Amino acid sequence: MKSTFKGLTHTTPFPNVLIDEVMPRLKDTPWRVLCVIVRQTLGWHDASGLRKERDWLTRSQLKARTGRNSEAIAQAIDTLVRQGYITAQNSEGALLKTPQERRRNHGHIYYGLTEHWRSQIGLSKSRKSQQLPMLAGSIFHQQHRKIKHVTDRKPNTTKETETKEINNHTEQVISEDVLSFIKNFQSHAQERGIKLPDISLSPDTGKRLRCWLKKTGKEDQAVALQKYFCSDAFYIVQREYSLYAFINICNILPLIR
């Protein structure tokens, strides 16, 4: 019995070449990450029908969408970039080719298929390239964003337009004390052998961090960091020693022995 799908909507055009040629080459996590990137780019178009070339994705979003942990995702992204499947760019459009460059970037990271694979699936370079928002220096984004079904959105909208109002209230420049603390946070994580802790924060938790830094001396901050990364508390481990988890429990860290 034949069935027809007239006006098939709420779907992503997934290129055959990626399924036929790329999927057999990739391991599980890189393939999952690639699928999410395809969904977030080819799955959206503007009024003229042009598909998105790139989309910004946080580590938390990739974890939620793939079901994999931060370390596995970082390795998958490195594999996809090195093998020429995807590009990673900062908010100004500069390529982030190495894990070190991606770790040093505190703003949004945009992912998309490389020009080679865009041409393989019949997408020539867009005549009008997408303008990336100028959010250099910002580490803040909406934490734990709810992933809505496409039917919950208005037609032809993108995540950039949906979060425009949020970005208007986002801090553009990180204060020196916050930046210094984040560097110390990452340094303590590396000393404890914890790779790539998630340092992304929502505007609300960012404010809480600044308030905590104002009322806490450098010595107490160092003690709190040491206790945090030496702890095996379930909540901390479950959150993979993220900065978000630190802010949630920083006030009770002095009580931990």
Protein backbone atom coordinates (compact mmCIF):
# COMPACT_ATOMS: atom_id res chain seq x y z
CA MET A 1 0.00 0.00 0.00
CA LYS A 2 1.48 3.30 -1.11
CA SER A 3 1.28 6.42 0.99
CA THR A 4 2.08 9.97 -0.02
CA PHE A 5 3.43 12.74 2.16
CA LYS A 6 2.19 15.97 0.69
CA GLY A 7 3.53 19.08 2.27
CA LEU A 8 5.75 17.14 4.71
CA THR A 9 6.64 19.59 7.48
CA HIS A 10 8.61 19.66 10.72
CA THR A 11 11.44 17.66 9.17
CA THR A 12 15.14 18.19 8.54
CA PRO A 13 16.48 17.44 5.04
CA PHE A 14 19.25 15.00 5.94
CA PRO A 15 21.69 14.53 3.02
CA ASN A 16 22.04 10.98 1.72
CA VAL A 17 25.81 11.35 1.33
CA LEU A 18 26.21 11.85 5.07
CA ILE A 19 24.28 8.66 5.82
CA ASP A 20 25.83 6.61 3.02
CA GLU A 21 29.46 7.75 3.20
CA VAL A 22 30.11 9.57 6.48
CA MET A 23 28.17 7.52 9.03
CA PRO A 24 30.21 4.30 8.40
CA ARG A 25 33.44 6.24 8.99
CA LEU A 26 32.49 7.86 12.29
CA LYS A 27 32.23 6.44 15.77
CA ASP A 28 29.06 6.86 17.79
CA THR A 29 29.61 10.21 19.54
CA PRO A 30 31.04 12.13 16.54
CA TRP A 31 28.08 10.91 14.47
CA ARG A 32 25.64 12.10 17.13
CA VAL A 33 27.30 15.52 17.29
CA LEU A 34 27.24 15.78 13.49
CA CYS A 35 23.52 14.91 13.46
CA VAL A 36 22.77 17.69 15.95
CA ILE A 37 24.73 20.20 13.86
CA VAL A 38 22.85 19.15 10.70
CA ARG A 39 19.56 19.49 12.58
CA GLN A 40 20.45 22.98 13.82
CA THR A 41 21.63 24.23 10.41
CA LEU A 42 19.86 22.48 7.54
CA GLY A 43 16.78 22.18 9.75
CA TRP A 44 16.23 25.95 9.61
CA HIS A 45 15.73 28.38 6.76
CA ASP A 46 14.88 32.03 6.31
CA ALA A 47 12.07 33.60 4.30
CA SER A 48 14.05 33.27 1.08
CA GLY A 49 14.57 29.55 1.63
CA LEU A 50 18.30 29.75 2.41
CA ARG A 51 19.43 27.17 4.94
CA LYS A 52 21.51 28.21 7.92
CA GLU A 53 25.26 27.82 7.45
CA ARG A 54 26.13 27.64 11.14
CA ASP A 55 24.56 27.71 14.58
CA TRP A 56 25.86 28.37 18.07
CA LEU A 57 25.66 25.41 20.42
CA THR A 58 26.77 25.26 24.04
CA ARG A 59 28.42 22.28 25.68
CA SER A 60 25.32 21.82 27.85
CA GLN A 61 23.09 21.72 24.77
CA LEU A 62 25.31 19.17 23.04
CA LYS A 63 25.31 17.01 26.16
CA ALA A 64 21.51 17.12 26.32
CA ARG A 65 21.04 16.47 22.61
CA THR A 66 23.58 13.64 22.28
CA GLY A 67 23.37 11.99 25.68
CA ARG A 68 27.15 12.06 25.98
CA ASN A 69 29.45 13.69 28.54
CA SER A 70 31.64 16.76 28.08
CA GLU A 71 34.90 14.89 27.48
CA ALA A 72 33.35 12.64 24.82
CA ILE A 73 31.79 15.64 23.09
CA ALA A 74 35.07 17.58 23.13
CA GLN A 75 36.87 14.62 21.53
CA ALA A 76 34.08 14.23 18.98
CA ILE A 77 34.24 17.89 17.99
CA ASP A 78 38.02 17.65 17.62
CA THR A 79 37.61 14.59 15.38
CA LEU A 80 34.99 16.27 13.19
CA VAL A 81 37.07 19.45 12.83
CA ARG A 82 40.35 17.62 12.11
CA GLN A 83 38.73 15.32 9.54
CA GLY A 84 37.12 18.25 7.75
CA TYR A 85 33.43 17.57 8.44
CA ILE A 86 32.61 20.68 10.47
CA THR A 87 33.97 24.10 11.29
CA ALA A 88 33.99 25.78 14.70
CA GLN A 89 34.00 29.59 14.73
CA ASN A 90 33.91 32.29 17.37
CA SER A 91 31.35 35.10 17.40
CA GLU A 92 33.51 37.16 15.01
CA GLY A 93 33.75 34.35 12.45
CA ALA A 94 37.35 33.31 13.15
CA LEU A 95 38.02 29.57 12.87
CA LEU A 96 38.78 27.69 16.09
CA LYS A 97 40.82 24.82 14.69
CA THR A 98 42.32 23.33 17.85
CA PRO A 99 40.98 22.27 21.26
CA GLN A 100 43.18 24.93 22.84
CA GLU A 101 41.61 27.68 20.73
CA ARG A 102 38.12 26.45 21.60
CA ARG A 103 38.94 26.31 25.31
CA ARG A 104 40.33 29.84 25.27
CA ASN A 105 37.20 31.16 23.59
CA HIS A 106 34.79 32.50 26.23
CA GLY A 107 32.05 33.55 23.80
CA HIS A 108 29.64 31.58 21.65
CA ILE A 109 31.03 28.85 19.40
CA TYR A 110 29.27 28.38 16.06
CA TYR A 111 29.28 25.01 14.30
CA GLY A 112 28.45 24.14 10.72
CA LEU A 113 29.39 21.84 7.86
CA THR A 114 32.59 22.70 6.02
CA GLU A 115 32.39 24.23 2.56
CA HIS A 116 33.49 20.89 1.09
CA TRP A 117 30.55 19.00 2.55
CA ARG A 118 28.15 21.84 1.81
CA SER A 119 29.13 21.53 -1.84
CA GLN A 120 28.79 17.73 -1.64
CA ILE A 121 25.15 18.09 -0.63
CA GLY A 122 24.42 20.74 -3.25
CA LEU A 123 24.71 23.87 -1.12
CA SER A 124 26.96 26.40 -2.76
CA LYS A 125 28.37 29.23 -0.72
CA SER A 126 25.61 31.65 0.22
CA ARG A 127 25.58 34.89 -1.73
CA LYS A 128 24.84 36.77 1.47
CA SER A 129 26.80 35.29 4.34
CA GLN A 130 25.16 35.11 7.70
CA GLN A 131 26.13 37.95 10.01
CA LEU A 132 27.31 36.62 13.34
CA PRO A 133 26.26 38.62 16.39
CA MET A 134 29.05 40.52 18.13
CA LEU A 135 29.22 38.83 21.50
CA ALA A 136 32.96 38.53 21.89
CA GLY A 137 34.04 38.17 25.49
CA SER A 138 30.73 36.93 26.83
CA ILE A 139 30.54 33.61 28.63
CA PHE A 140 26.90 33.94 29.55
CA HIS A 141 24.02 32.14 27.90
CA GLN A 142 20.66 30.82 28.91
CA GLN A 143 21.35 27.80 31.12
CA HIS A 144 19.37 24.60 30.57
CA ARG A 145 17.38 25.99 27.67
CA LYS A 146 14.29 23.96 27.01
CA ILE A 147 14.49 22.18 23.67
CA LYS A 148 11.10 22.88 22.16
CA HIS A 149 9.54 20.89 19.36
CA VAL A 150 9.72 22.74 16.08
CA THR A 151 5.94 23.14 16.10
CA ASP A 152 6.29 25.39 19.15
CA ARG A 153 8.21 27.96 17.12
CA LYS A 154 7.02 30.42 14.55
CA PRO A 155 7.79 29.51 10.92
CA ASN A 156 11.16 30.53 9.51
CA THR A 157 12.57 31.60 12.87
CA THR A 158 16.04 30.75 14.10
CA LYS A 159 17.58 30.36 17.52
CA GLU A 160 19.40 33.69 17.11
CA THR A 161 16.14 35.60 16.68
CA GLU A 162 14.48 33.60 19.45
CA THR A 163 17.20 34.57 21.93
CA LYS A 164 17.60 38.17 20.76
CA GLU A 165 15.84 39.48 23.81
CA ILE A 166 18.10 37.42 26.08
CA ASN A 167 21.24 38.61 24.33
CA ASN A 168 20.17 42.24 24.70
CA HIS A 169 20.45 41.76 28.46
CA THR A 170 23.70 39.76 28.30
CA GLU A 171 26.92 41.28 29.56
CA GLN A 172 29.26 42.02 26.70
CA VAL A 173 32.47 42.30 28.71
CA ILE A 174 33.61 40.07 31.57
CA SER A 175 34.89 41.96 34.58
CA GLU A 176 38.50 41.38 35.55
CA ASP A 177 37.66 39.68 38.84
CA VAL A 178 35.29 37.20 37.15
CA LEU A 179 37.79 36.46 34.37
CA SER A 180 40.56 35.94 36.91
CA PHE A 181 38.39 33.58 38.95
CA ILE A 182 37.43 31.56 35.87
CA LYS A 183 41.11 31.10 35.03
CA ASN A 184 41.74 29.90 38.59
CA PHE A 185 38.72 27.61 38.29
CA GLN A 186 40.10 26.01 35.12
CA SER A 187 43.58 25.77 36.63
CA HIS A 188 42.29 23.90 39.69
CA ALA A 189 40.32 21.57 37.41
CA GLN A 190 43.41 20.73 35.36
CA GLU A 191 45.46 20.08 38.52
CA ARG A 192 42.83 17.55 39.60
CA GLY A 193 42.82 15.93 36.16
CA ILE A 194 39.34 17.20 35.28
CA LYS A 195 39.27 18.09 31.62
CA LEU A 196 37.18 20.87 30.11
CA PRO A 197 34.81 21.78 32.96
CA ASP A 198 31.73 23.62 31.74
CA ILE A 199 32.20 27.33 32.59
CA SER A 200 29.02 28.60 30.92
CA LEU A 201 26.63 30.60 33.10
CA SER A 202 23.21 32.14 32.79
CA PRO A 203 22.87 35.87 33.46
CA ASP A 204 21.37 35.06 36.87
CA THR A 205 24.15 32.72 37.99
CA GLY A 206 26.69 35.17 36.57
CA LYS A 207 25.36 37.83 38.92
CA ARG A 208 25.52 35.38 41.80
CA LEU A 209 29.17 34.69 40.99
CA ARG A 210 30.00 38.39 41.03
CA CYS A 211 28.21 38.84 44.37
CA TRP A 212 30.09 35.90 45.86
CA LEU A 213 33.42 37.25 44.65
CA LYS A 214 32.72 40.66 46.17
CA LYS A 215 32.09 39.26 49.64
CA THR A 216 34.79 36.55 49.55
CA GLY A 217 38.51 37.15 49.89
CA LYS A 218 41.14 35.62 47.62
CA GLU A 219 42.25 33.16 50.29
CA ASP A 220 38.72 31.93 50.92
CA GLN A 221 38.14 31.63 47.17
CA ALA A 222 41.20 29.41 46.86
CA VAL A 223 40.02 27.23 49.76
CA ALA A 224 36.57 26.91 48.20
CA LEU A 225 38.05 25.86 44.86
CA GLN A 226 40.30 23.29 46.50
CA LYS A 227 37.40 21.77 48.45
CA TYR A 228 35.17 21.79 45.39
CA PHE A 229 37.55 19.90 43.12
CA CYS A 230 38.54 17.48 45.89
CA SER A 231 34.91 16.66 46.64
CA ASP A 232 33.18 13.50 45.45
CA ALA A 233 29.71 14.73 46.43
CA PHE A 234 27.03 13.31 44.16
CA TYR A 235 25.74 16.70 42.98
CA ILE A 236 29.22 17.92 42.05
CA VAL A 237 30.16 14.72 40.23
CA GLN A 238 26.78 14.60 38.47
CA ARG A 239 27.33 18.16 37.21
CA GLU A 240 30.87 17.20 36.14
CA TYR A 241 32.48 19.90 38.28
CA SER A 242 30.87 22.69 36.26
CA LEU A 243 31.08 26.35 37.25
CA TYR A 244 27.28 26.37 37.41
CA ALA A 245 27.37 23.70 40.14
CA PHE A 246 30.07 25.61 41.99
CA ILE A 247 27.92 28.73 42.21
CA ASN A 248 25.02 26.70 43.55
CA ILE A 249 27.01 25.31 46.49
CA CYS A 250 29.82 27.84 47.03
CA ASN A 251 28.20 29.16 50.21
CA ILE A 252 28.29 25.74 51.89
CA LEU A 253 31.75 24.71 50.72
CA PRO A 254 33.39 26.02 53.93
CA LEU A 255 31.37 23.38 55.83
CA ILE A 256 32.81 20.53 53.75
CA ARG A 257 35.71 18.73 55.42
